[in-house]
């Protein structure tokens, strides 16, 4: 499906053209109920559930890269803007998937990492220390498959996160 084109940006108002790609493909007279059958919806739900179940395993790959970046950087005197951009990209990737599957705790932790990577938030050594702490929290959440703050460990991580 094509992404809608941004038509106008004035101040805080953004207008988008409606995306009619699906309607154009099937024709204006085809009822959507004939396209989105219960069987097709069920198959799509199975694929979504499968991707949701694999989230923590897949997020573990980005987490490993994130941990490696932090470990190497901790031995150096100061992080570069490029380093913060790469960390923000890795954390943002995890964040996007966590939000998609409604894993609020992981999304919150990665949101904080991305925010701290923004220039001017703190001095570089402080930003690095905060990111290292948040990556530790993220490791716990991902390895323990904690999606929210309902369990004891989730509540503890959530309370710790609110200090940032």
N, C-alpha and C. Protein backbone atom coordinates (compact mmCIF):
# COMPACT_ATOMS: atom_id res chain seq x y z
N UNK A 1 0.84 -1.16 0.00
CA UNK A 1 0.00 0.00 0.00
C UNK A 1 0.89 1.24 0.00
N UNK A 2 0.59 2.19 -0.82
CA UNK A 2 1.41 3.39 -0.94
C UNK A 2 1.18 4.31 0.25
N UNK A 3 2.20 5.03 0.60
CA UNK A 3 2.11 5.99 1.70
C UNK A 3 1.51 7.28 1.16
N UNK A 4 0.59 7.86 1.91
CA UNK A 4 -0.04 9.11 1.50
C UNK A 4 0.98 10.21 1.37
N UNK A 5 0.75 11.10 0.45
CA UNK A 5 1.66 12.22 0.23
C UNK A 5 1.26 13.40 1.10
N UNK A 6 2.24 14.04 1.67
CA UNK A 6 2.02 15.22 2.47
C UNK A 6 1.73 16.38 1.52
N UNK A 7 0.55 16.98 1.65
CA UNK A 7 0.16 18.04 0.74
C UNK A 7 0.44 19.44 1.26
N UNK A 8 0.24 19.65 2.55
CA UNK A 8 0.35 21.01 3.07
C UNK A 8 0.87 20.98 4.50
N UNK A 9 1.83 21.83 4.76
CA UNK A 9 2.28 21.98 6.15
C UNK A 9 2.31 23.46 6.47
N UNK A 10 1.38 23.89 7.29
CA UNK A 10 1.35 25.27 7.74
C UNK A 10 1.21 25.25 9.24
N UNK A 11 2.16 25.86 9.90
CA UNK A 11 2.20 25.89 11.36
C UNK A 11 2.08 24.47 11.91
N UNK A 12 1.05 24.23 12.72
CA UNK A 12 0.89 22.92 13.35
C UNK A 12 -0.09 22.02 12.58
N UNK A 13 -0.55 22.47 11.43
CA UNK A 13 -1.55 21.71 10.68
C UNK A 13 -0.86 20.95 9.56
N UNK A 14 -1.15 19.65 9.47
CA UNK A 14 -0.61 18.83 8.40
C UNK A 14 -1.79 18.14 7.73
N UNK A 15 -1.90 18.28 6.42
CA UNK A 15 -2.99 17.65 5.68
C UNK A 15 -2.42 16.54 4.81
N UNK A 16 -3.12 15.42 4.75
CA UNK A 16 -2.69 14.28 3.95
C UNK A 16 -3.77 13.91 2.96
N UNK A 17 -3.33 13.48 1.80
CA UNK A 17 -4.25 12.95 0.81
C UNK A 17 -4.59 11.52 1.21
N UNK A 18 -5.85 11.16 1.11
CA UNK A 18 -6.26 9.80 1.47
C UNK A 18 -5.57 8.79 0.56
N UNK A 19 -5.18 7.67 1.14
CA UNK A 19 -4.53 6.60 0.39
C UNK A 19 -5.61 5.65 -0.12
N UNK A 20 -5.83 5.65 -1.42
CA UNK A 20 -6.87 4.83 -2.03
C UNK A 20 -6.29 3.66 -2.82
N UNK A 21 -5.06 3.27 -2.52
CA UNK A 21 -4.39 2.22 -3.29
C UNK A 21 -5.20 0.93 -3.32
N UNK A 22 -5.66 0.48 -2.17
CA UNK A 22 -6.43 -0.77 -2.11
C UNK A 22 -7.70 -0.65 -2.94
N UNK A 23 -8.42 0.43 -2.78
CA UNK A 23 -9.66 0.64 -3.52
C UNK A 23 -9.38 0.66 -5.02
N UNK A 24 -8.29 1.27 -5.43
CA UNK A 24 -7.93 1.31 -6.85
C UNK A 24 -7.59 -0.08 -7.37
N UNK A 25 -6.95 -0.91 -6.56
CA UNK A 25 -6.59 -2.27 -6.99
C UNK A 25 -7.80 -3.17 -7.16
N UNK A 26 -8.77 -3.09 -6.26
CA UNK A 26 -9.91 -3.99 -6.30
C UNK A 26 -11.10 -3.42 -7.06
N UNK A 27 -11.06 -2.13 -7.31
CA UNK A 27 -12.15 -1.50 -8.04
C UNK A 27 -13.17 -0.89 -7.09
N UNK A 28 -13.85 0.14 -7.54
CA UNK A 28 -14.76 0.87 -6.66
C UNK A 28 -16.03 0.10 -6.30
N UNK A 29 -16.37 -0.93 -7.07
CA UNK A 29 -17.64 -1.64 -6.82
C UNK A 29 -17.47 -2.92 -6.00
N UNK A 30 -16.26 -3.29 -5.65
CA UNK A 30 -16.04 -4.52 -4.88
C UNK A 30 -16.24 -4.23 -3.40
N UNK A 31 -17.19 -4.91 -2.76
CA UNK A 31 -17.39 -4.70 -1.32
C UNK A 31 -16.17 -5.19 -0.53
N UNK A 32 -15.75 -4.42 0.44
CA UNK A 32 -14.59 -4.79 1.23
C UNK A 32 -14.81 -6.11 1.97
N UNK A 33 -16.05 -6.46 2.27
CA UNK A 33 -16.35 -7.73 2.94
C UNK A 33 -15.94 -8.92 2.08
N UNK A 34 -15.89 -8.73 0.76
CA UNK A 34 -15.45 -9.81 -0.13
C UNK A 34 -13.92 -9.92 -0.15
N UNK A 35 -13.25 -8.86 0.22
CA UNK A 35 -11.79 -8.86 0.23
C UNK A 35 -11.29 -9.34 1.59
N UNK A 36 -11.81 -8.73 2.64
CA UNK A 36 -11.39 -9.06 4.00
C UNK A 36 -12.33 -10.11 4.58
N UNK A 37 -12.14 -11.32 4.11
CA UNK A 37 -12.98 -12.43 4.56
C UNK A 37 -12.54 -12.88 5.95
N UNK A 38 -13.41 -13.55 6.68
CA UNK A 38 -13.00 -14.06 8.01
C UNK A 38 -11.75 -14.94 7.93
N UNK A 39 -11.62 -15.73 6.88
CA UNK A 39 -10.45 -16.60 6.72
C UNK A 39 -9.18 -15.77 6.56
N UNK A 40 -9.23 -14.74 5.72
CA UNK A 40 -8.07 -13.88 5.50
C UNK A 40 -7.71 -13.13 6.78
N UNK A 41 -8.70 -12.63 7.47
CA UNK A 41 -8.45 -11.92 8.73
C UNK A 41 -7.81 -12.86 9.73
N UNK A 42 -8.27 -14.10 9.81
CA UNK A 42 -7.70 -15.09 10.72
C UNK A 42 -6.24 -15.39 10.35
N UNK A 43 -5.95 -15.52 9.07
CA UNK A 43 -4.57 -15.76 8.63
C UNK A 43 -3.68 -14.59 8.98
N UNK A 44 -4.16 -13.38 8.79
CA UNK A 44 -3.38 -12.18 9.15
C UNK A 44 -3.13 -12.15 10.64
N UNK A 45 -4.13 -12.48 11.45
CA UNK A 45 -3.97 -12.48 12.90
C UNK A 45 -2.92 -13.49 13.32
N UNK A 46 -2.87 -14.64 12.67
CA UNK A 46 -1.85 -15.65 12.99
C UNK A 46 -0.45 -15.11 12.71
N UNK A 47 -0.30 -14.39 11.60
CA UNK A 47 1.01 -13.81 11.27
C UNK A 47 1.39 -12.73 12.28
N UNK A 48 0.45 -11.93 12.69
CA UNK A 48 0.72 -10.90 13.68
C UNK A 48 1.10 -11.55 15.02
N UNK A 49 0.36 -12.57 15.41
CA UNK A 49 0.66 -13.27 16.67
C UNK A 49 2.04 -13.91 16.62
N UNK A 50 2.40 -14.47 15.48
CA UNK A 50 3.72 -15.10 15.34
C UNK A 50 4.82 -14.05 15.47
N UNK A 51 4.63 -12.91 14.84
CA UNK A 51 5.62 -11.83 14.93
C UNK A 51 5.70 -11.31 16.37
N UNK A 52 4.56 -11.20 17.02
CA UNK A 52 4.53 -10.74 18.42
C UNK A 52 5.30 -11.71 19.31
N UNK A 53 5.09 -13.00 19.10
CA UNK A 53 5.78 -14.01 19.90
C UNK A 53 7.29 -13.98 19.68
N UNK A 54 7.71 -13.58 18.50
CA UNK A 54 9.15 -13.55 18.17
C UNK A 54 9.81 -12.23 18.57
N UNK A 55 9.03 -11.26 19.05
CA UNK A 55 9.56 -9.93 19.33
C UNK A 55 10.79 -9.97 20.23
N UNK A 56 10.71 -10.65 21.37
CA UNK A 56 11.81 -10.61 22.33
C UNK A 56 13.07 -11.26 21.77
N UNK A 57 12.91 -12.31 20.95
CA UNK A 57 14.09 -12.92 20.34
C UNK A 57 14.73 -11.98 19.33
N UNK A 58 13.92 -11.36 18.52
CA UNK A 58 14.44 -10.45 17.49
C UNK A 58 15.01 -9.19 18.13
N UNK A 59 14.32 -8.65 19.14
CA UNK A 59 14.82 -7.46 19.84
C UNK A 59 16.16 -7.75 20.50
N UNK A 60 16.39 -9.01 20.83
CA UNK A 60 17.66 -9.40 21.44
C UNK A 60 18.85 -9.12 20.54
N UNK A 61 18.66 -9.19 19.23
CA UNK A 61 19.76 -8.89 18.29
C UNK A 61 20.15 -7.41 18.36
N UNK A 62 19.14 -6.54 18.33
CA UNK A 62 19.43 -5.10 18.44
C UNK A 62 19.98 -4.78 19.82
N UNK A 63 19.48 -5.46 20.83
CA UNK A 63 19.99 -5.26 22.19
C UNK A 63 21.47 -5.62 22.26
N UNK A 64 21.86 -6.74 21.65
CA UNK A 64 23.28 -7.15 21.67
C UNK A 64 24.15 -6.09 21.01
N UNK A 65 23.70 -5.53 19.90
CA UNK A 65 24.46 -4.46 19.23
C UNK A 65 24.53 -3.23 20.12
N UNK A 66 23.42 -2.90 20.75
CA UNK A 66 23.36 -1.74 21.64
C UNK A 66 24.31 -1.93 22.81
N UNK A 67 24.33 -3.09 23.40
CA UNK A 67 25.24 -3.37 24.52
C UNK A 67 26.69 -3.28 24.08
N UNK A 68 27.00 -3.78 22.88
CA UNK A 68 28.37 -3.71 22.38
C UNK A 68 28.79 -2.25 22.16
N UNK A 69 27.90 -1.43 21.61
CA UNK A 69 28.20 -0.01 21.41
C UNK A 69 28.51 0.65 22.74
N UNK A 70 27.69 0.38 23.74
CA UNK A 70 27.88 1.01 25.06
C UNK A 70 29.17 0.53 25.70
N UNK A 71 29.44 -0.76 25.64
CA UNK A 71 30.65 -1.32 26.26
C UNK A 71 31.91 -0.69 25.68
N UNK A 72 31.98 -0.59 24.37
CA UNK A 72 33.15 0.00 23.72
C UNK A 72 33.26 1.48 24.09
N UNK A 73 32.14 2.18 24.06
CA UNK A 73 32.16 3.62 24.30
C UNK A 73 32.52 3.96 25.75
N UNK A 74 32.15 3.11 26.69
CA UNK A 74 32.44 3.39 28.11
C UNK A 74 33.95 3.49 28.36
N UNK A 75 34.75 2.88 27.52
CA UNK A 75 36.20 2.92 27.69
C UNK A 75 36.82 4.18 27.07
N UNK A 76 36.03 4.93 26.34
CA UNK A 76 36.53 6.13 25.67
C UNK A 76 36.12 7.38 26.45
N UNK A 77 36.86 8.48 26.26
CA UNK A 77 36.57 9.69 27.06
C UNK A 77 35.24 10.36 26.72
N UNK A 78 34.85 10.39 25.46
CA UNK A 78 33.63 11.11 25.09
C UNK A 78 33.01 10.49 23.84
N UNK A 79 31.71 10.46 23.82
CA UNK A 79 30.99 9.89 22.68
C UNK A 79 30.77 10.95 21.60
N UNK A 80 30.78 10.53 20.35
CA UNK A 80 30.56 11.43 19.23
C UNK A 80 29.07 11.53 18.92
N UNK A 81 28.71 12.54 18.14
CA UNK A 81 27.32 12.67 17.70
C UNK A 81 26.91 11.45 16.89
N UNK A 82 27.82 10.93 16.07
CA UNK A 82 27.52 9.74 15.26
C UNK A 82 27.21 8.54 16.15
N UNK A 83 27.93 8.42 17.26
CA UNK A 83 27.67 7.31 18.18
C UNK A 83 26.27 7.44 18.76
N UNK A 84 25.90 8.64 19.20
CA UNK A 84 24.55 8.84 19.75
C UNK A 84 23.48 8.58 18.69
N UNK A 85 23.74 8.96 17.46
CA UNK A 85 22.78 8.71 16.37
C UNK A 85 22.59 7.22 16.15
N UNK A 86 23.66 6.44 16.18
CA UNK A 86 23.57 4.99 15.99
C UNK A 86 22.80 4.35 17.15
N UNK A 87 23.09 4.77 18.36
CA UNK A 87 22.38 4.25 19.53
C UNK A 87 20.89 4.59 19.43
N UNK A 88 20.58 5.82 19.05
CA UNK A 88 19.18 6.23 18.89
C UNK A 88 18.49 5.39 17.82
N UNK A 89 19.19 5.08 16.75
CA UNK A 89 18.63 4.26 15.68
C UNK A 89 18.32 2.84 16.16
N UNK A 90 19.26 2.23 16.86
CA UNK A 90 19.04 0.88 17.38
C UNK A 90 17.90 0.86 18.40
N UNK A 91 17.92 1.81 19.33
CA UNK A 91 16.86 1.88 20.33
C UNK A 91 15.52 2.21 19.68
N UNK A 92 15.54 3.07 18.68
CA UNK A 92 14.32 3.43 17.97
C UNK A 92 13.71 2.25 17.24
N UNK A 93 14.55 1.38 16.72
CA UNK A 93 14.05 0.18 16.05
C UNK A 93 13.32 -0.72 17.05
N UNK A 94 13.92 -0.94 18.20
CA UNK A 94 13.27 -1.74 19.23
C UNK A 94 11.98 -1.06 19.69
N UNK A 95 12.05 0.25 19.87
CA UNK A 95 10.90 1.02 20.34
C UNK A 95 9.71 0.88 19.38
N UNK A 96 9.98 1.01 18.10
CA UNK A 96 8.91 0.92 17.11
C UNK A 96 8.20 -0.42 17.15
N UNK A 97 8.98 -1.49 17.24
CA UNK A 97 8.38 -2.81 17.31
C UNK A 97 7.66 -3.03 18.64
N UNK A 98 8.22 -2.53 19.73
CA UNK A 98 7.58 -2.67 21.04
C UNK A 98 6.24 -1.94 21.05
N UNK A 99 6.19 -0.77 20.45
CA UNK A 99 4.93 -0.02 20.38
C UNK A 99 3.92 -0.76 19.52
N UNK A 100 4.37 -1.33 18.42
CA UNK A 100 3.49 -2.06 17.52
C UNK A 100 2.79 -3.21 18.24
N UNK A 101 3.52 -3.90 19.10
CA UNK A 101 2.96 -5.06 19.80
C UNK A 101 2.49 -4.73 21.22
N UNK A 102 2.48 -3.45 21.55
CA UNK A 102 1.98 -2.97 22.84
C UNK A 102 2.79 -3.49 24.04
N UNK A 103 4.12 -3.49 23.88
CA UNK A 103 5.01 -3.83 24.98
C UNK A 103 5.47 -2.52 25.60
N UNK A 104 4.63 -1.97 26.49
CA UNK A 104 4.81 -0.63 27.01
C UNK A 104 6.11 -0.39 27.75
N UNK A 105 6.56 -1.35 28.55
CA UNK A 105 7.77 -1.14 29.33
C UNK A 105 8.99 -1.02 28.41
N UNK A 106 9.11 -1.91 27.45
CA UNK A 106 10.23 -1.86 26.51
C UNK A 106 10.16 -0.57 25.70
N UNK A 107 8.97 -0.19 25.29
CA UNK A 107 8.81 1.06 24.52
C UNK A 107 9.22 2.26 25.36
N UNK A 108 8.88 2.28 26.64
CA UNK A 108 9.25 3.41 27.51
C UNK A 108 10.75 3.49 27.72
N UNK A 109 11.38 2.35 27.95
CA UNK A 109 12.83 2.35 28.16
C UNK A 109 13.54 2.87 26.91
N UNK A 110 13.15 2.35 25.76
CA UNK A 110 13.82 2.77 24.52
C UNK A 110 13.48 4.22 24.17
N UNK A 111 12.30 4.67 24.53
CA UNK A 111 11.95 6.08 24.32
C UNK A 111 12.93 6.97 25.10
N UNK A 112 13.22 6.59 26.34
CA UNK A 112 14.17 7.35 27.15
C UNK A 112 15.57 7.34 26.52
N UNK A 113 15.97 6.18 26.01
CA UNK A 113 17.30 6.11 25.37
C UNK A 113 17.36 7.06 24.18
N UNK A 114 16.34 7.01 23.34
CA UNK A 114 16.31 7.89 22.15
C UNK A 114 16.34 9.35 22.59
N UNK A 115 15.58 9.70 23.61
CA UNK A 115 15.53 11.09 24.08
C UNK A 115 16.88 11.57 24.60
N UNK A 116 17.57 10.71 25.33
CA UNK A 116 18.87 11.08 25.89
C UNK A 116 19.91 11.24 24.78
N UNK A 117 19.71 10.58 23.67
CA UNK A 117 20.65 10.70 22.55
C UNK A 117 20.54 12.05 21.84
N UNK A 118 19.47 12.78 22.09
CA UNK A 118 19.29 14.09 21.46
C UNK A 118 20.39 15.04 21.92
N UNK A 119 20.99 15.79 21.00
CA UNK A 119 22.04 16.74 21.38
C UNK A 119 21.52 17.78 22.37
N UNK A 120 22.37 18.13 23.30
CA UNK A 120 22.04 19.19 24.24
C UNK A 120 21.26 18.76 25.46
N UNK A 121 20.90 17.46 25.58
CA UNK A 121 20.13 17.04 26.74
C UNK A 121 20.98 17.05 28.00
N UNK A 122 22.20 16.55 27.91
CA UNK A 122 23.15 16.52 29.03
C UNK A 122 24.56 16.52 28.42
N UNK A 123 25.55 16.68 29.26
CA UNK A 123 26.93 16.55 28.79
C UNK A 123 27.15 15.10 28.35
N UNK A 124 28.04 14.90 27.41
CA UNK A 124 28.28 13.58 26.84
C UNK A 124 28.52 12.48 27.87
N UNK A 125 29.38 12.68 28.88
CA UNK A 125 29.59 11.60 29.85
C UNK A 125 28.34 11.25 30.65
N UNK A 126 27.52 12.26 30.94
CA UNK A 126 26.28 12.02 31.67
C UNK A 126 25.31 11.24 30.78
N UNK A 127 25.20 11.64 29.53
CA UNK A 127 24.32 10.94 28.58
C UNK A 127 24.76 9.49 28.44
N UNK A 128 26.04 9.27 28.35
CA UNK A 128 26.56 7.91 28.20
C UNK A 128 26.21 7.06 29.42
N UNK A 129 26.38 7.60 30.61
CA UNK A 129 26.06 6.86 31.84
C UNK A 129 24.58 6.53 31.91
N UNK A 130 23.73 7.51 31.57
CA UNK A 130 22.28 7.28 31.57
C UNK A 130 21.90 6.19 30.56
N UNK A 131 22.49 6.26 29.39
CA UNK A 131 22.20 5.25 28.36
C UNK A 131 22.66 3.87 28.83
N UNK A 132 23.83 3.79 29.43
CA UNK A 132 24.32 2.50 29.93
C UNK A 132 23.35 1.92 30.95
N UNK A 133 22.84 2.75 31.86
CA UNK A 133 21.89 2.29 32.86
C UNK A 133 20.59 1.81 32.20
N UNK A 134 20.11 2.58 31.24
CA UNK A 134 18.86 2.21 30.56
C UNK A 134 19.03 0.94 29.73
N UNK A 135 20.19 0.75 29.12
CA UNK A 135 20.44 -0.47 28.36
C UNK A 135 20.44 -1.68 29.30
N UNK A 136 20.93 -1.50 30.51
CA UNK A 136 20.87 -2.58 31.50
C UNK A 136 19.42 -2.93 31.81
N UNK A 137 18.59 -1.91 32.00
CA UNK A 137 17.15 -2.14 32.23
C UNK A 137 16.52 -2.84 31.04
N UNK A 138 16.89 -2.39 29.85
CA UNK A 138 16.34 -2.96 28.63
C UNK A 138 16.73 -4.44 28.52
N UNK A 139 17.97 -4.76 28.87
CA UNK A 139 18.43 -6.15 28.83
C UNK A 139 17.55 -7.01 29.74
N UNK A 140 17.28 -6.52 30.93
CA UNK A 140 16.45 -7.28 31.87
C UNK A 140 15.04 -7.48 31.29
N UNK A 141 14.46 -6.40 30.77
CA UNK A 141 13.10 -6.48 30.23
C UNK A 141 13.02 -7.45 29.04
N UNK A 142 14.01 -7.40 28.16
CA UNK A 142 13.98 -8.26 26.98
C UNK A 142 14.30 -9.71 27.35
N UNK A 143 15.31 -9.92 28.13
CA UNK A 143 15.69 -11.31 28.48
C UNK A 143 14.63 -11.99 29.34
N UNK A 144 13.96 -11.22 30.20
CA UNK A 144 12.92 -11.79 31.05
C UNK A 144 11.53 -11.73 30.38
N UNK A 145 11.50 -11.17 29.17
CA UNK A 145 10.25 -11.04 28.38
C UNK A 145 9.17 -10.31 29.18
N UNK A 146 9.56 -9.15 29.72
CA UNK A 146 8.64 -8.34 30.52
C UNK A 146 8.02 -7.29 29.59
N UNK A 147 6.74 -7.41 29.36
CA UNK A 147 6.09 -6.51 28.41
C UNK A 147 5.50 -5.27 29.07
N UNK A 148 5.22 -5.34 30.36
CA UNK A 148 4.59 -4.19 31.03
C UNK A 148 4.96 -4.19 32.51
N UNK A 149 4.30 -3.36 33.28
CA UNK A 149 4.64 -3.19 34.69
C UNK A 149 3.73 -3.99 35.62
N UNK A 150 3.13 -5.06 35.13
CA UNK A 150 2.21 -5.81 35.98
C UNK A 150 2.91 -6.70 37.00
N UNK A 151 3.96 -7.37 36.64
CA UNK A 151 4.65 -8.26 37.57
C UNK A 151 5.57 -7.48 38.50
N UNK A 152 6.13 -8.18 39.47
CA UNK A 152 7.00 -7.54 40.45
C UNK A 152 8.22 -6.90 39.78
N UNK A 153 8.88 -7.63 38.91
CA UNK A 153 10.06 -7.09 38.24
C UNK A 153 9.67 -5.94 37.29
N UNK A 154 8.54 -6.07 36.63
CA UNK A 154 8.06 -5.00 35.76
C UNK A 154 7.78 -3.73 36.53
N UNK A 155 7.17 -3.87 37.71
CA UNK A 155 6.91 -2.69 38.56
C UNK A 155 8.22 -2.06 39.03
N UNK A 156 9.18 -2.91 39.38
CA UNK A 156 10.48 -2.39 39.83
C UNK A 156 11.20 -1.65 38.71
N UNK A 157 11.19 -2.22 37.52
CA UNK A 157 11.82 -1.54 36.39
C UNK A 157 11.09 -0.24 36.06
N UNK A 158 9.78 -0.27 36.11
CA UNK A 158 8.99 0.94 35.84
C UNK A 158 9.29 2.04 36.84
N UNK A 159 9.41 1.67 38.11
CA UNK A 159 9.74 2.65 39.15
C UNK A 159 11.13 3.23 38.92
N UNK A 160 12.07 2.39 38.55
CA UNK A 160 13.42 2.86 38.26
C UNK A 160 13.42 3.79 37.05
N UNK A 161 12.64 3.45 36.06
CA UNK A 161 12.57 4.24 34.83
C UNK A 161 12.02 5.64 35.09
N UNK A 162 11.09 5.75 35.99
CA UNK A 162 10.49 7.06 36.29
C UNK A 162 11.49 8.03 36.92
N UNK A 163 12.62 7.53 37.39
CA UNK A 163 13.66 8.41 37.94
C UNK A 163 14.44 9.12 36.85
N UNK A 164 14.32 8.66 35.62
CA UNK A 164 15.05 9.28 34.52
C UNK A 164 14.24 10.41 33.99
